[in-house]
Amino acid sequence: MSVQAVMFDLDGVLVDTEPVWEEVRRGFVADHGGRWLPDTQDRLMGMSTEEWAAYLATDLVEGLTAEEVAYEVVDRMSRRYAEDLPLMPGAVEAVRRLAEHYPLGLNSSSPRALIDLVLGRLGVDGLFRATVSTEEVDRGKPEPDGYLAAAARADVPPTECVAIEDSSNGLRSAYAAGMRVIAVPHPRYPPAADALALASYVAEDLNAVTADLVVKVGAAPRPDA
């Protein structure tokens, strides 16, 4: 396979915001007298805004609509991003390095407003040919909708893309879209073993993700699901 584009995830790959999302949503649930369940964080990773807002409104808190949940949580996240935007090691360098060789796309479970805010603050928004929020597709991760939309917007076949992901649902989503996947597992939120097995390569961090590695991954057969 000749690689025609590289697709990035955002949270947990370029910015270390999964802990921020967890802290903010935990705080929101606590402030509204709700309960945080043992599997809540795992369930939330990869959900679209509509999906996680509905989950919080239905299962974790009472007396709020999904729309009210989404508005308040995203507002809290925006204010946190304005204070501090924690980068994953080598994030900006990896984007710039791969942009020299491939068109770039991005598929994120974050809402559009936060995607644009983050990429703008990182100074790399102009390097992406296509960006997709799972708000803009029917189904969030682990379904393939977001990656399929990103490939379509970048005008490349999804089977000729390499995706860079960290989470279980993200790995499953990119694989289901027909892409080869480089896993960069988050140390605090490691993916499940069965999801990690879908990756063609597991990198320690973004510094290991080079154009040569992308070529190597593109030339290798995809792992069996």
Protein backbone atom coordinates (compact mmCIF):
# COMPACT_ATOMS: atom_id res chain seq x y z
CA MET A 1 0.00 0.00 0.00
CA SER A 2 1.27 3.43 -0.95
CA VAL A 3 0.43 5.82 1.88
CA GLN A 4 -1.44 8.88 0.61
CA ALA A 5 -2.22 10.62 3.92
CA VAL A 6 -1.63 10.50 7.67
CA MET A 7 -4.53 10.90 10.08
CA PHE A 8 -4.08 12.13 13.64
CA ASP A 9 -6.25 11.82 16.70
CA LEU A 10 -6.19 14.88 18.99
CA ASP A 11 -6.81 14.12 22.67
CA GLY A 12 -4.17 11.80 24.03
CA VAL A 13 -2.08 11.97 20.86
CA LEU A 14 -1.27 15.64 20.25
CA VAL A 15 -2.47 17.13 23.52
CA ASP A 16 -2.49 15.49 26.93
CA THR A 17 -6.07 16.48 27.61
CA GLU A 18 -7.60 13.13 28.56
CA PRO A 19 -6.75 13.83 32.23
CA VAL A 20 -8.30 17.29 31.84
CA TRP A 21 -11.48 15.85 30.30
CA GLU A 22 -11.70 13.34 33.15
CA GLU A 23 -11.14 16.00 35.82
CA VAL A 24 -13.65 18.40 34.26
CA ARG A 25 -16.36 15.80 33.75
CA ARG A 26 -15.79 14.30 37.19
CA GLY A 27 -16.12 17.79 38.67
CA PHE A 28 -19.25 18.45 36.67
CA VAL A 29 -20.86 15.21 37.84
CA ALA A 30 -19.90 15.90 41.47
CA ASP A 31 -21.17 19.49 41.30
CA HIS A 32 -24.53 18.21 40.12
CA GLY A 33 -24.82 15.51 42.78
CA GLY A 34 -24.17 12.65 40.41
CA ARG A 35 -22.11 9.48 40.60
CA TRP A 36 -18.96 8.56 38.68
CA LEU A 37 -18.90 4.84 37.92
CA PRO A 38 -15.78 2.63 37.80
CA ASP A 39 -16.01 2.18 34.01
CA THR A 40 -17.11 5.73 33.18
CA GLN A 41 -13.78 7.04 31.86
CA ASP A 42 -13.22 4.02 29.61
CA ARG A 43 -16.74 4.38 28.22
CA LEU A 44 -16.35 8.10 27.55
CA MET A 45 -13.11 7.90 25.56
CA GLY A 46 -13.98 8.22 21.88
CA MET A 47 -17.63 9.17 22.33
CA SER A 48 -18.95 12.11 20.35
CA THR A 49 -20.23 15.16 22.22
CA GLU A 50 -23.82 14.04 21.67
CA GLU A 51 -23.02 10.55 22.94
CA TRP A 52 -21.12 11.48 26.11
CA ALA A 53 -23.54 14.30 26.98
CA ALA A 54 -26.46 11.89 26.69
CA TYR A 55 -24.61 9.32 28.81
CA LEU A 56 -23.88 11.84 31.57
CA ALA A 57 -27.44 13.20 31.50
CA THR A 58 -29.02 9.74 31.55
CA ASP A 59 -26.73 7.65 33.74
CA LEU A 60 -24.69 9.97 35.96
CA VAL A 61 -26.68 13.12 36.81
CA GLU A 62 -30.34 14.03 37.11
CA GLY A 63 -32.41 17.03 36.08
CA LEU A 64 -30.35 18.15 33.07
CA THR A 65 -30.77 17.65 29.36
CA ALA A 66 -27.92 16.37 27.22
CA GLU A 67 -27.72 19.81 25.59
CA GLU A 68 -27.27 21.48 28.99
CA VAL A 69 -24.61 18.95 29.96
CA ALA A 70 -22.66 19.48 26.73
CA TYR A 71 -22.81 23.27 26.95
CA GLU A 72 -21.51 23.43 30.51
CA VAL A 73 -18.79 20.80 30.12
CA VAL A 74 -17.44 22.28 26.86
CA ASP A 75 -17.47 25.74 28.44
CA ARG A 76 -15.43 24.41 31.37
CA MET A 77 -13.00 22.75 28.94
CA SER A 78 -12.58 25.97 26.94
CA ARG A 79 -11.69 27.87 30.10
CA ARG A 80 -9.18 25.19 31.10
CA TYR A 81 -7.56 25.27 27.65
CA ALA A 82 -7.23 29.04 27.92
CA GLU A 83 -5.29 28.58 31.17
CA ASP A 84 -3.05 25.74 30.03
CA LEU A 85 -2.79 23.44 27.02
CA PRO A 86 -0.66 20.41 27.90
CA LEU A 87 1.16 18.97 24.92
CA MET A 88 2.14 15.40 24.39
CA PRO A 89 5.93 15.06 23.95
CA GLY A 90 6.99 15.78 20.37
CA ALA A 91 3.47 16.68 19.20
CA VAL A 92 4.13 19.82 17.17
CA GLU A 93 7.36 18.41 15.80
CA ALA A 94 5.58 15.22 14.65
CA VAL A 95 2.89 17.19 12.84
CA ARG A 96 5.42 19.40 11.08
CA ARG A 97 7.68 16.46 10.26
CA LEU A 98 4.95 14.36 8.66
CA ALA A 99 3.38 17.37 6.89
CA GLU A 100 6.58 17.63 4.84
CA HIS A 101 5.74 14.26 3.26
CA TYR A 102 1.98 13.68 3.46
CA PRO A 103 -1.35 15.48 3.51
CA LEU A 104 -2.63 15.42 7.07
CA GLY A 105 -6.08 14.77 8.45
CA LEU A 106 -7.53 14.70 11.93
CA ASN A 107 -10.46 12.86 13.49
CA SER A 108 -11.30 13.87 17.04
CA SER A 109 -14.07 13.21 19.51
CA SER A 110 -13.70 16.79 20.72
CA PRO A 111 -16.27 19.34 19.58
CA ARG A 112 -15.38 21.53 16.61
CA ALA A 113 -14.82 24.62 18.77
CA LEU A 114 -12.16 22.85 20.84
CA ILE A 115 -10.44 21.31 17.80
CA ASP A 116 -10.06 24.70 16.17
CA LEU A 117 -8.93 26.29 19.43
CA VAL A 118 -6.25 23.66 20.05
CA LEU A 119 -4.84 23.53 16.51
CA GLY A 120 -4.77 27.31 16.37
CA ARG A 121 -2.90 27.60 19.65
CA LEU A 122 -0.42 24.96 18.49
CA GLY A 123 0.14 26.91 15.27
CA VAL A 124 -0.48 23.85 13.06
CA ASP A 125 -4.04 24.45 11.86
CA GLY A 126 -2.83 25.32 8.36
CA LEU A 127 -1.04 21.97 8.04
CA PHE A 128 -4.21 19.87 8.07
CA ARG A 129 -6.06 19.27 4.83
CA ALA A 130 -9.09 17.89 6.66
CA THR A 131 -10.33 17.89 10.24
CA VAL A 132 -13.43 16.12 11.53
CA SER A 133 -15.25 16.27 14.84
CA THR A 134 -17.43 13.30 15.67
CA GLU A 135 -20.15 15.91 16.20
CA GLU A 136 -20.20 16.07 12.40
CA VAL A 137 -20.80 12.36 11.72
CA ASP A 138 -23.51 9.91 12.75
CA ARG A 139 -21.44 7.79 15.10
CA GLY A 140 -18.39 8.38 17.27
CA LYS A 141 -15.48 6.07 17.92
CA PRO A 142 -15.16 3.05 17.90
CA GLU A 143 -17.26 3.30 14.74
CA PRO A 144 -15.31 4.30 11.59
CA ASP A 145 -17.48 7.28 10.58
CA GLY A 146 -15.06 10.03 11.60
CA TYR A 147 -12.05 8.51 9.88
CA LEU A 148 -14.05 7.78 6.75
CA ALA A 149 -15.20 11.42 6.69
CA ALA A 150 -11.66 12.71 7.23
CA ALA A 151 -10.35 10.59 4.34
CA ALA A 152 -13.17 11.78 2.10
CA ARG A 153 -12.49 15.43 2.94
CA ALA A 154 -8.80 14.88 2.27
CA ASP A 155 -9.75 13.23 -1.04
CA VAL A 156 -7.79 10.03 -0.33
CA PRO A 157 -9.01 6.43 0.00
CA PRO A 158 -9.16 5.39 3.67
CA THR A 159 -7.28 2.20 2.85
CA GLU A 160 -4.32 4.37 1.80
CA CYS A 161 -4.15 6.22 5.12
CA VAL A 162 -2.12 5.62 8.25
CA ALA A 163 -3.77 6.76 11.48
CA ILE A 164 -2.07 7.65 14.76
CA GLU A 165 -4.15 6.73 17.80
CA ASP A 166 -3.86 6.15 21.54
CA SER A 167 -7.15 4.80 22.90
CA SER A 168 -9.00 1.53 22.52
CA ASN A 169 -11.94 3.14 20.76
CA GLY A 170 -9.67 5.20 18.55
CA LEU A 171 -7.67 2.18 17.45
CA ARG A 172 -10.86 0.27 16.70
CA SER A 173 -12.28 3.22 14.76
CA ALA A 174 -9.27 3.69 12.48
CA TYR A 175 -8.95 -0.05 11.89
CA ALA A 176 -12.64 -0.35 11.06
CA ALA A 177 -12.19 2.42 8.48
CA GLY A 178 -9.66 0.22 6.69
CA MET A 179 -6.59 2.19 7.76
CA ARG A 180 -3.30 0.95 9.09
CA VAL A 181 -2.74 2.23 12.59
CA ILE A 182 0.26 3.39 14.61
CA ALA A 183 -0.54 3.18 18.32
CA VAL A 184 1.01 5.68 20.72
CA PRO A 185 -0.51 4.47 24.00
CA HIS A 186 -1.19 7.02 26.72
CA PRO A 187 0.64 5.93 29.88
CA ARG A 188 -2.34 6.74 32.13
CA TYR A 189 -5.04 5.33 29.84
CA PRO A 190 -3.49 2.35 28.04
CA PRO A 191 -5.66 0.67 25.39
CA ALA A 192 -7.09 -2.78 25.85
CA ALA A 193 -4.98 -5.64 24.56
CA ASP A 194 -7.44 -6.60 21.84
CA ALA A 195 -7.53 -3.02 20.55
CA LEU A 196 -3.75 -2.67 20.66
CA ALA A 197 -3.48 -5.84 18.59
CA LEU A 198 -5.10 -3.93 15.71
CA ALA A 199 -2.09 -1.61 15.46
CA SER A 200 0.54 -2.26 12.84
CA TYR A 201 3.15 -0.62 15.08
CA VAL A 202 3.27 0.45 18.72
CA ALA A 203 5.41 3.54 19.30
CA GLU A 204 6.72 4.67 22.66
CA ASP A 205 5.99 8.31 21.83
CA LEU A 206 5.53 10.67 18.90
CA ASN A 207 9.27 11.14 18.49
CA ALA A 208 9.35 7.63 17.03
CA VAL A 209 6.70 8.45 14.42
CA THR A 210 8.67 9.40 11.34
CA ALA A 211 8.02 9.38 7.61
CA ASP A 212 10.17 6.24 7.35
CA LEU A 213 7.97 4.51 9.92
CA VAL A 214 4.84 5.51 8.01
CA VAL A 215 6.30 3.98 4.84
CA LYS A 216 7.16 0.79 6.76
CA VAL A 217 3.65 0.55 8.21
CA GLY A 218 2.08 1.19 4.83
CA ALA A 219 4.07 -1.62 3.27
CA ALA A 220 3.10 -4.16 5.92
CA PRO A 221 -0.17 -6.16 5.89
CA ARG A 222 -2.81 -5.10 8.36
CA PRO A 223 -3.14 -7.24 11.48
CA ASP A 224 -6.11 -9.60 11.50
CA ALA A 225 -9.01 -8.40 13.61
